């Protein structure tokens, strides 16, 4: 087997190299928002609850880092 033949074996085929035909390639934002109707209605409350939970987690973590004076965020008594 020649060295060039082994390298050709690892090249992608034409089918793999082709760009996927994206459904929303040149659509506007309003057209993309219309696709939200495809989301099952049962998942919308779950998304809201998860979004609120992530928001509260971010808020409480940021508040803890800002307010807590006992937490060391940098080294102390460092000799340069």
PDB file of N, CA and C in Angstrom:
ATOM      1  N   UNK A   1       0.836  -1.165   0.000  1.00  0.00           N
ATOM      2  CA  UNK A   1       0.000   0.000   0.000  1.00  0.00           C
ATOM      3  C   UNK A   1       0.893   1.245   0.000  1.00  0.00           C
ATOM      4  N   UNK A   2       0.568   2.215  -0.818  1.00  0.00           N
ATOM      5  CA  UNK A   2       1.353   3.437  -0.910  1.00  0.00           C
ATOM      6  C   UNK A   2       0.940   4.414   0.185  1.00  0.00           C
ATOM      7  N   UNK A   3       1.859   5.289   0.602  1.00  0.00           N
ATOM      8  CA  UNK A   3       1.526   6.248   1.661  1.00  0.00           C
ATOM      9  C   UNK A   3       0.380   7.194   1.273  1.00  0.00           C
ATOM     10  N   UNK A   4       0.318   7.587   0.006  1.00  0.00           N
ATOM     11  CA  UNK A   4      -0.753   8.509  -0.400  1.00  0.00           C
ATOM     12  C   UNK A   4      -2.104   7.808  -0.384  1.00  0.00           C
ATOM     13  N   UNK A   5      -2.108   6.519  -0.620  1.00  0.00           N
ATOM     14  CA  UNK A   5      -3.377   5.796  -0.603  1.00  0.00           C
ATOM     15  C   UNK A   5      -3.945   5.724   0.815  1.00  0.00           C
ATOM     16  N   UNK A   6      -3.084   5.608   1.802  1.00  0.00           N
ATOM     17  CA  UNK A   6      -3.596   5.562   3.172  1.00  0.00           C
ATOM     18  C   UNK A   6      -4.132   6.922   3.597  1.00  0.00           C
ATOM     19  N   UNK A   7      -3.538   8.010   3.124  1.00  0.00           N
ATOM     20  CA  UNK A   7      -4.036   9.338   3.471  1.00  0.00           C
ATOM     21  C   UNK A   7      -5.385   9.611   2.820  1.00  0.00           C
ATOM     22  N   UNK A   8      -5.579   9.086   1.607  1.00  0.00           N
ATOM     23  CA  UNK A   8      -6.863   9.280   0.938  1.00  0.00           C
ATOM     24  C   UNK A   8      -7.985   8.582   1.689  1.00  0.00           C
ATOM     25  N   UNK A   9      -7.637   7.539   2.409  1.00  0.00           N
ATOM     26  CA  UNK A   9      -8.642   6.788   3.138  1.00  0.00           C
ATOM     27  C   UNK A   9      -9.262   7.640   4.254  1.00  0.00           C
ATOM     28  N   UNK A  10      -8.501   8.612   4.793  1.00  0.00           N
ATOM     29  CA  UNK A  10      -8.987   9.426   5.898  1.00  0.00           C
ATOM     30  C   UNK A  10      -9.622  10.735   5.448  1.00  0.00           C
ATOM     31  N   UNK A  11      -9.710  10.973   4.148  1.00  0.00           N
ATOM     32  CA  UNK A  11     -10.346  12.192   3.663  1.00  0.00           C
ATOM     33  C   UNK A  11     -11.861  12.037   3.699  1.00  0.00           C
ATOM     34  N   UNK A  12     -12.585  13.121   3.997  1.00  0.00           N
ATOM     35  CA  UNK A  12     -14.043  13.022   4.018  1.00  0.00           C
ATOM     36  C   UNK A  12     -14.610  12.810   2.625  1.00  0.00           C
ATOM     37  N   UNK A  13     -15.698  12.128   2.575  1.00  0.00           N
ATOM     38  CA  UNK A  13     -16.348  11.893   1.289  1.00  0.00           C
ATOM     39  C   UNK A  13     -17.093  13.144   0.858  1.00  0.00           C
ATOM     40  N   UNK A  14     -17.556  13.175  -0.366  1.00  0.00           N
ATOM     41  CA  UNK A  14     -18.296  14.328  -0.884  1.00  0.00           C
ATOM     42  C   UNK A  14     -19.562  14.566  -0.063  1.00  0.00           C
ATOM     43  N   UNK A  15     -20.210  13.518   0.358  1.00  0.00           N
ATOM     44  CA  UNK A  15     -21.442  13.650   1.119  1.00  0.00           C
ATOM     45  C   UNK A  15     -21.162  14.319   2.464  1.00  0.00           C
ATOM     46  N   UNK A  16     -20.036  14.004   3.085  1.00  0.00           N
ATOM     47  CA  UNK A  16     -19.701  14.600   4.373  1.00  0.00           C
ATOM     48  C   UNK A  16     -19.248  16.045   4.207  1.00  0.00           C
ATOM     49  N   UNK A  17     -18.642  16.396   3.085  1.00  0.00           N
ATOM     50  CA  UNK A  17     -18.136  17.736   2.866  1.00  0.00           C
ATOM     51  C   UNK A  17     -19.244  18.709   2.492  1.00  0.00           C
ATOM     52  N   UNK A  18     -20.347  18.231   2.017  1.00  0.00           N
ATOM     53  CA  UNK A  18     -21.418  19.115   1.588  1.00  0.00           C
ATOM     54  C   UNK A  18     -21.988  19.873   2.788  1.00  0.00           C
ATOM     55  N   UNK A  19     -22.289  21.140   2.568  1.00  0.00           N
ATOM     56  CA  UNK A  19     -22.877  21.962   3.624  1.00  0.00           C
ATOM     57  C   UNK A  19     -24.299  21.503   3.881  1.00  0.00           C
ATOM     58  N   UNK A  20     -24.682  21.371   5.134  1.00  0.00           N
ATOM     59  CA  UNK A  20     -26.052  20.960   5.408  1.00  0.00           C
ATOM     60  C   UNK A  20     -27.023  22.062   5.011  1.00  0.00           C
ATOM     61  N   UNK A  21     -28.137  21.669   4.477  1.00  0.00           N
ATOM     62  CA  UNK A  21     -29.143  22.629   4.063  1.00  0.00           C
ATOM     63  C   UNK A  21     -29.893  23.080   5.309  1.00  0.00           C
ATOM     64  N   UNK A  22     -29.496  24.233   5.826  1.00  0.00           N
ATOM     65  CA  UNK A  22     -30.087  24.723   7.068  1.00  0.00           C
ATOM     66  C   UNK A  22     -31.478  25.275   6.795  1.00  0.00           C
ATOM     67  N   UNK A  23     -32.392  24.948   7.678  1.00  0.00           N
ATOM     68  CA  UNK A  23     -33.777  25.329   7.476  1.00  0.00           C
ATOM     69  C   UNK A  23     -33.981  26.835   7.614  1.00  0.00           C
ATOM     70  N   UNK A  24     -33.217  27.480   8.481  1.00  0.00           N
ATOM     71  CA  UNK A  24     -33.427  28.900   8.779  1.00  0.00           C
ATOM     72  C   UNK A  24     -32.224  29.732   8.345  1.00  0.00           C
ATOM     73  N   UNK A  25     -31.684  29.513   7.214  1.00  0.00           N
ATOM     74  CA  UNK A  25     -30.437  30.159   6.837  1.00  0.00           C
ATOM     75  C   UNK A  25     -30.587  31.680   6.747  1.00  0.00           C
ATOM     76  N   UNK A  26     -31.564  32.197   6.027  1.00  0.00           N
ATOM     77  CA  UNK A  26     -31.678  33.636   5.804  1.00  0.00           C
ATOM     78  C   UNK A  26     -32.970  34.201   6.373  1.00  0.00           C
ATOM     79  N   UNK A  27     -33.491  33.603   7.405  1.00  0.00           N
ATOM     80  CA  UNK A  27     -34.757  34.054   7.953  1.00  0.00           C
ATOM     81  C   UNK A  27     -34.550  35.199   8.931  1.00  0.00           C
ATOM     82  N   UNK A  28     -35.581  35.979   9.100  1.00  0.00           N
ATOM     83  CA  UNK A  28     -35.517  37.089  10.041  1.00  0.00           C
ATOM     84  C   UNK A  28     -35.833  36.586  11.439  1.00  0.00           C
ATOM     85  N   UNK A  29     -35.688  37.477  12.403  1.00  0.00           N
ATOM     86  CA  UNK A  29     -35.939  37.095  13.795  1.00  0.00           C
ATOM     87  C   UNK A  29     -37.402  36.731  13.994  1.00  0.00           C
ATOM     88  N   UNK A  30     -38.281  37.487  13.368  1.00  0.00           N
ATOM     89  CA  UNK A  30     -39.706  37.188  13.549  1.00  0.00           C
ATOM     90  C   UNK A  30     -40.063  35.827  12.975  1.00  0.00           C
ATOM     91  N   UNK A  31     -39.412  35.463  11.879  1.00  0.00           N
ATOM     92  CA  UNK A  31     -39.665  34.132  11.318  1.00  0.00           C
ATOM     93  C   UNK A  31     -39.115  33.044  12.234  1.00  0.00           C
ATOM     94  N   UNK A  32     -37.992  33.325  12.890  1.00  0.00           N
ATOM     95  CA  UNK A  32     -37.449  32.334  13.829  1.00  0.00           C
ATOM     96  C   UNK A  32     -38.322  32.218  15.064  1.00  0.00           C
ATOM     97  N   UNK A  33     -38.915  33.342  15.501  1.00  0.00           N
ATOM     98  CA  UNK A  33     -39.786  33.294  16.671  1.00  0.00           C
ATOM     99  C   UNK A  33     -41.047  32.480  16.401  1.00  0.00           C
ATOM    100  N   UNK A  34     -41.466  32.444  15.156  1.00  0.00           N
ATOM    101  CA  UNK A  34     -42.645  31.643  14.820  1.00  0.00           C
ATOM    102  C   UNK A  34     -42.400  30.153  15.028  1.00  0.00           C
ATOM    103  N   UNK A  35     -41.145  29.742  14.994  1.00  0.00           N
ATOM    104  CA  UNK A  35     -40.840  28.328  15.200  1.00  0.00           C
ATOM    105  C   UNK A  35     -41.019  27.916  16.656  1.00  0.00           C
ATOM    106  N   UNK A  36     -41.188  28.895  17.568  1.00  0.00           N
ATOM    107  CA  UNK A  36     -41.450  28.552  18.964  1.00  0.00           C
ATOM    108  C   UNK A  36     -42.783  27.820  19.111  1.00  0.00           C
ATOM    109  N   UNK A  37     -43.639  27.943  18.125  1.00  0.00           N
ATOM    110  CA  UNK A  37     -44.915  27.232  18.173  1.00  0.00           C
ATOM    111  C   UNK A  37     -44.715  25.724  18.079  1.00  0.00           C
ATOM    112  N   UNK A  38     -43.523  25.308  17.623  1.00  0.00           N
ATOM    113  CA  UNK A  38     -43.241  23.876  17.511  1.00  0.00           C
ATOM    114  C   UNK A  38     -42.905  23.257  18.871  1.00  0.00           C
ATOM    115  N   UNK A  39     -42.606  24.099  19.870  1.00  0.00           N
ATOM    116  CA  UNK A  39     -42.279  23.587  21.204  1.00  0.00           C
ATOM    117  C   UNK A  39     -43.562  23.065  21.850  1.00  0.00           C
ATOM    118  N   UNK A  40     -43.538  21.854  22.376  1.00  0.00           N
ATOM    119  CA  UNK A  40     -44.742  21.330  23.035  1.00  0.00           C
ATOM    120  C   UNK A  40     -45.135  22.209  24.223  1.00  0.00           C
ATOM    121  N   UNK A  41     -46.419  22.470  24.390  1.00  0.00           N
ATOM    122  CA  UNK A  41     -46.844  23.367  25.470  1.00  0.00           C
ATOM    123  C   UNK A  41     -46.517  22.851  26.860  1.00  0.00           C
ATOM    124  N   UNK A  42     -46.297  21.554  27.012  1.00  0.00           N
ATOM    125  CA  UNK A  42     -45.966  21.000  28.315  1.00  0.00           C
ATOM    126  C   UNK A  42     -44.578  21.435  28.774  1.00  0.00           C
ATOM    127  N   UNK A  43     -43.691  21.797  27.832  1.00  0.00           N
ATOM    128  CA  UNK A  43     -42.317  22.145  28.188  1.00  0.00           C
ATOM    129  C   UNK A  43     -42.146  23.607  28.539  1.00  0.00           C
ATOM    130  N   UNK A  44     -43.115  24.455  28.216  1.00  0.00           N
ATOM    131  CA  UNK A  44     -42.968  25.888  28.480  1.00  0.00           C
ATOM    132  C   UNK A  44     -42.908  26.178  29.979  1.00  0.00           C
ATOM    133  N   UNK A  45     -43.795  25.629  30.825  1.00  0.00           N
ATOM    134  CA  UNK A  45     -43.644  25.885  32.267  1.00  0.00           C
ATOM    135  C   UNK A  45     -42.330  25.350  32.835  1.00  0.00           C
ATOM    136  N   UNK A  46     -41.877  24.229  32.325  1.00  0.00           N
ATOM    137  CA  UNK A  46     -40.597  23.683  32.780  1.00  0.00           C
ATOM    138  C   UNK A  46     -39.464  24.634  32.432  1.00  0.00           C
ATOM    139  N   UNK A  47     -39.493  25.203  31.233  1.00  0.00           N
ATOM    140  CA  UNK A  47     -38.466  26.160  30.830  1.00  0.00           C
ATOM    141  C   UNK A  47     -38.483  27.408  31.696  1.00  0.00           C
ATOM    142  N   UNK A  48     -39.684  27.868  32.054  1.00  0.00           N
ATOM    143  CA  UNK A  48     -39.792  29.051  32.913  1.00  0.00           C
ATOM    144  C   UNK A  48     -39.209  28.756  34.298  1.00  0.00           C
ATOM    145  N   UNK A  49     -39.543  27.596  34.860  1.00  0.00           N
ATOM    146  CA  UNK A  49     -39.045  27.233  36.187  1.00  0.00           C
ATOM    147  C   UNK A  49     -37.529  27.087  36.173  1.00  0.00           C
ATOM    148  N   UNK A  50     -36.992  26.449  35.165  1.00  0.00           N
ATOM    149  CA  UNK A  50     -35.532  26.283  35.080  1.00  0.00           C
ATOM    150  C   UNK A  50     -34.862  27.642  34.888  1.00  0.00           C
ATOM    151  N   UNK A  51     -35.449  28.509  34.086  1.00  0.00           N
ATOM    152  CA  UNK A  51     -34.890  29.845  33.889  1.00  0.00           C
ATOM    153  C   UNK A  51     -34.858  30.655  35.168  1.00  0.00           C
ATOM    154  N   UNK A  52     -35.950  30.602  35.941  1.00  0.00           N
ATOM    155  CA  UNK A  52     -35.997  31.319  37.217  1.00  0.00           C
ATOM    156  C   UNK A  52     -34.981  30.740  38.190  1.00  0.00           C
ATOM    157  N   UNK A  53     -34.845  29.428  38.221  1.00  0.00           N
ATOM    158  CA  UNK A  53     -33.882  28.791  39.131  1.00  0.00           C
ATOM    159  C   UNK A  53     -32.450  29.187  38.780  1.00  0.00           C
ATOM    160  N   UNK A  54     -32.127  29.218  37.500  1.00  0.00           N
ATOM    161  CA  UNK A  54     -30.777  29.618  37.077  1.00  0.00           C
ATOM    162  C   UNK A  54     -30.538  31.089  37.415  1.00  0.00           C
ATOM    163  N   UNK A  55     -31.565  31.916  37.241  1.00  0.00           N
ATOM    164  CA  UNK A  55     -31.439  33.330  37.593  1.00  0.00           C
ATOM    165  C   UNK A  55     -31.183  33.532  39.078  1.00  0.00           C
ATOM    166  N   UNK A  56     -31.954  32.842  39.920  1.00  0.00           N
ATOM    167  CA  UNK A  56     -31.745  32.957  41.366  1.00  0.00           C
ATOM    168  C   UNK A  56     -30.386  32.401  41.781  1.00  0.00           C
ATOM    169  N   UNK A  57     -29.943  31.351  41.153  1.00  0.00           N
ATOM    170  CA  UNK A  57     -28.624  30.790  41.490  1.00  0.00           C
ATOM    171  C   UNK A  57     -27.520  31.780  41.146  1.00  0.00           C
ATOM    172  N   UNK A  58     -27.618  32.410  39.988  1.00  0.00           N
ATOM    173  CA  UNK A  58     -26.633  33.416  39.606  1.00  0.00           C
ATOM    174  C   UNK A  58     -26.645  34.611  40.545  1.00  0.00           C
ATOM    175  N   UNK A  59     -27.844  35.055  40.919  1.00  0.00           N
ATOM    176  CA  UNK A  59     -27.968  36.189  41.843  1.00  0.00           C
ATOM    177  C   UNK A  59     -27.357  35.849  43.201  1.00  0.00           C
ATOM    178  N   UNK A  60     -27.701  34.688  43.742  1.00  0.00           N
ATOM    179  CA  UNK A  60     -27.199  34.348  45.074  1.00  0.00           C
ATOM    180  C   UNK A  60     -25.693  34.124  45.064  1.00  0.00           C
ATOM    181  N   UNK A  61     -25.153  33.571  43.991  1.00  0.00           N
ATOM    182  CA  UNK A  61     -23.711  33.372  43.918  1.00  0.00           C
ATOM    183  C   UNK A  61     -22.989  34.716  43.813  1.00  0.00           C
ATOM    184  N   UNK A  62     -23.502  35.619  42.993  1.00  0.00           N
ATOM    185  CA  UNK A  62     -22.878  36.937  42.861  1.00  0.00           C
ATOM    186  C   UNK A  62     -22.979  37.704  44.172  1.00  0.00           C
ATOM    187  N   UNK A  63     -24.114  37.620  44.833  1.00  0.00           N
ATOM    188  CA  UNK A  63     -24.287  38.326  46.107  1.00  0.00           C
ATOM    189  C   UNK A  63     -23.342  37.762  47.169  1.00  0.00           C
ATOM    190  N   UNK A  64     -23.169  36.466  47.190  1.00  0.00           N
ATOM    191  CA  UNK A  64     -22.257  35.834  48.153  1.00  0.00           C
ATOM    192  C   UNK A  64     -20.824  36.309  47.929  1.00  0.00           C
ATOM    193  N   UNK A  65     -20.415  36.414  46.672  1.00  0.00           N
ATOM    194  CA  UNK A  65     -19.049  36.851  46.372  1.00  0.00           C
ATOM    195  C   UNK A  65     -18.847  38.318  46.719  1.00  0.00           C
ATOM    196  N   UNK A  66     -19.896  39.135  46.609  1.00  0.00           N
ATOM    197  CA  UNK A  66     -19.751  40.563  46.857  1.00  0.00           C
ATOM    198  C   UNK A  66     -19.892  40.897  48.342  1.00  0.00           C
ATOM    199  N   UNK A  67     -20.856  40.284  49.033  1.00  0.00           N
ATOM    200  CA  UNK A  67     -21.201  40.675  50.396  1.00  0.00           C
ATOM    201  C   UNK A  67     -20.345  39.996  51.455  1.00  0.00           C
ATOM    202  N   UNK A  68     -19.998  38.734  51.276  1.00  0.00           N
ATOM    203  CA  UNK A  68     -19.314  37.963  52.320  1.00  0.00           C
ATOM    204  C   UNK A  68     -17.874  38.449  52.493  1.00  0.00           C
ATOM    205  N   UNK A  69     -17.594  39.031  53.660  1.00  0.00           N
ATOM    206  CA  UNK A  69     -16.246  39.544  53.934  1.00  0.00           C
ATOM    207  C   UNK A  69     -15.317  38.455  54.462  1.00  0.00           C
ATOM    208  N   UNK A  70     -15.863  37.334  54.892  1.00  0.00           N
ATOM    209  CA  UNK A  70     -15.045  36.249  55.416  1.00  0.00           C
ATOM    210  C   UNK A  70     -14.386  35.440  54.302  1.00  0.00           C
ATOM    211  N   UNK A  71     -14.945  35.517  53.113  1.00  0.00           N
ATOM    212  CA  UNK A  71     -14.417  34.730  51.995  1.00  0.00           C
ATOM    213  C   UNK A  71     -13.193  35.423  51.408  1.00  0.00           C
ATOM    214  N   UNK A  72     -12.121  34.688  51.251  1.00  0.00           N
ATOM    215  CA  UNK A  72     -10.916  35.246  50.658  1.00  0.00           C
ATOM    216  C   UNK A  72     -10.950  35.002  49.160  1.00  0.00           C
ATOM    217  N   UNK A  73     -10.909  36.084  48.413  1.00  0.00           N
ATOM    218  CA  UNK A  73     -10.890  35.960  46.958  1.00  0.00           C
ATOM    219  C   UNK A  73      -9.499  36.192  46.392  1.00  0.00           C
ATOM    220  N   UNK A  74      -8.567  36.622  47.237  1.00  0.00           N
ATOM    221  CA  UNK A  74      -7.184  36.809  46.797  1.00  0.00           C
ATOM    222  C   UNK A  74      -6.260  36.417  47.949  1.00  0.00           C
ATOM    223  N   UNK A  75      -5.005  36.249  47.661  1.00  0.00           N
ATOM    224  CA  UNK A  75      -4.032  35.850  48.678  1.00  0.00           C
ATOM    225  C   UNK A  75      -3.751  37.000  49.616  1.00  0.00           C
ATOM    226  N   UNK A  76      -3.501  36.650  50.878  1.00  0.00           N
ATOM    227  CA  UNK A  76      -3.162  37.667  51.860  1.00  0.00           C
ATOM    228  C   UNK A  76      -1.762  37.396  52.389  1.00  0.00           C
ATOM    229  N   UNK A  77      -1.112  38.456  52.912  1.00  0.00           N
ATOM    230  CA  UNK A  77       0.244  38.340  53.483  1.00  0.00           C
ATOM    231  C   UNK A  77       1.214  37.738  52.480  1.00  0.00           C
ATOM    232  N   UNK A  78       1.098  38.184  51.264  1.00  0.00           N
ATOM    233  CA  UNK A  78       1.972  37.662  50.198  1.00  0.00           C
ATOM    234  C   UNK A  78       3.224  38.528  50.142  1.00  0.00           C
ATOM    235  N   UNK A  79       4.384  37.913  50.201  1.00  0.00           N
ATOM    236  CA  UNK A  79       5.642  38.650  50.143  1.00  0.00           C
ATOM    237  C   UNK A  79       6.146  38.647  48.698  1.00  0.00           C
ATOM    238  N   UNK A  80       6.356  39.843  48.168  1.00  0.00           N
ATOM    239  CA  UNK A  80       6.803  39.945  46.753  1.00  0.00           C
ATOM    240  C   UNK A  80       8.295  40.001  46.649  1.00  0.00           C
TER     241      UNK A  80
END
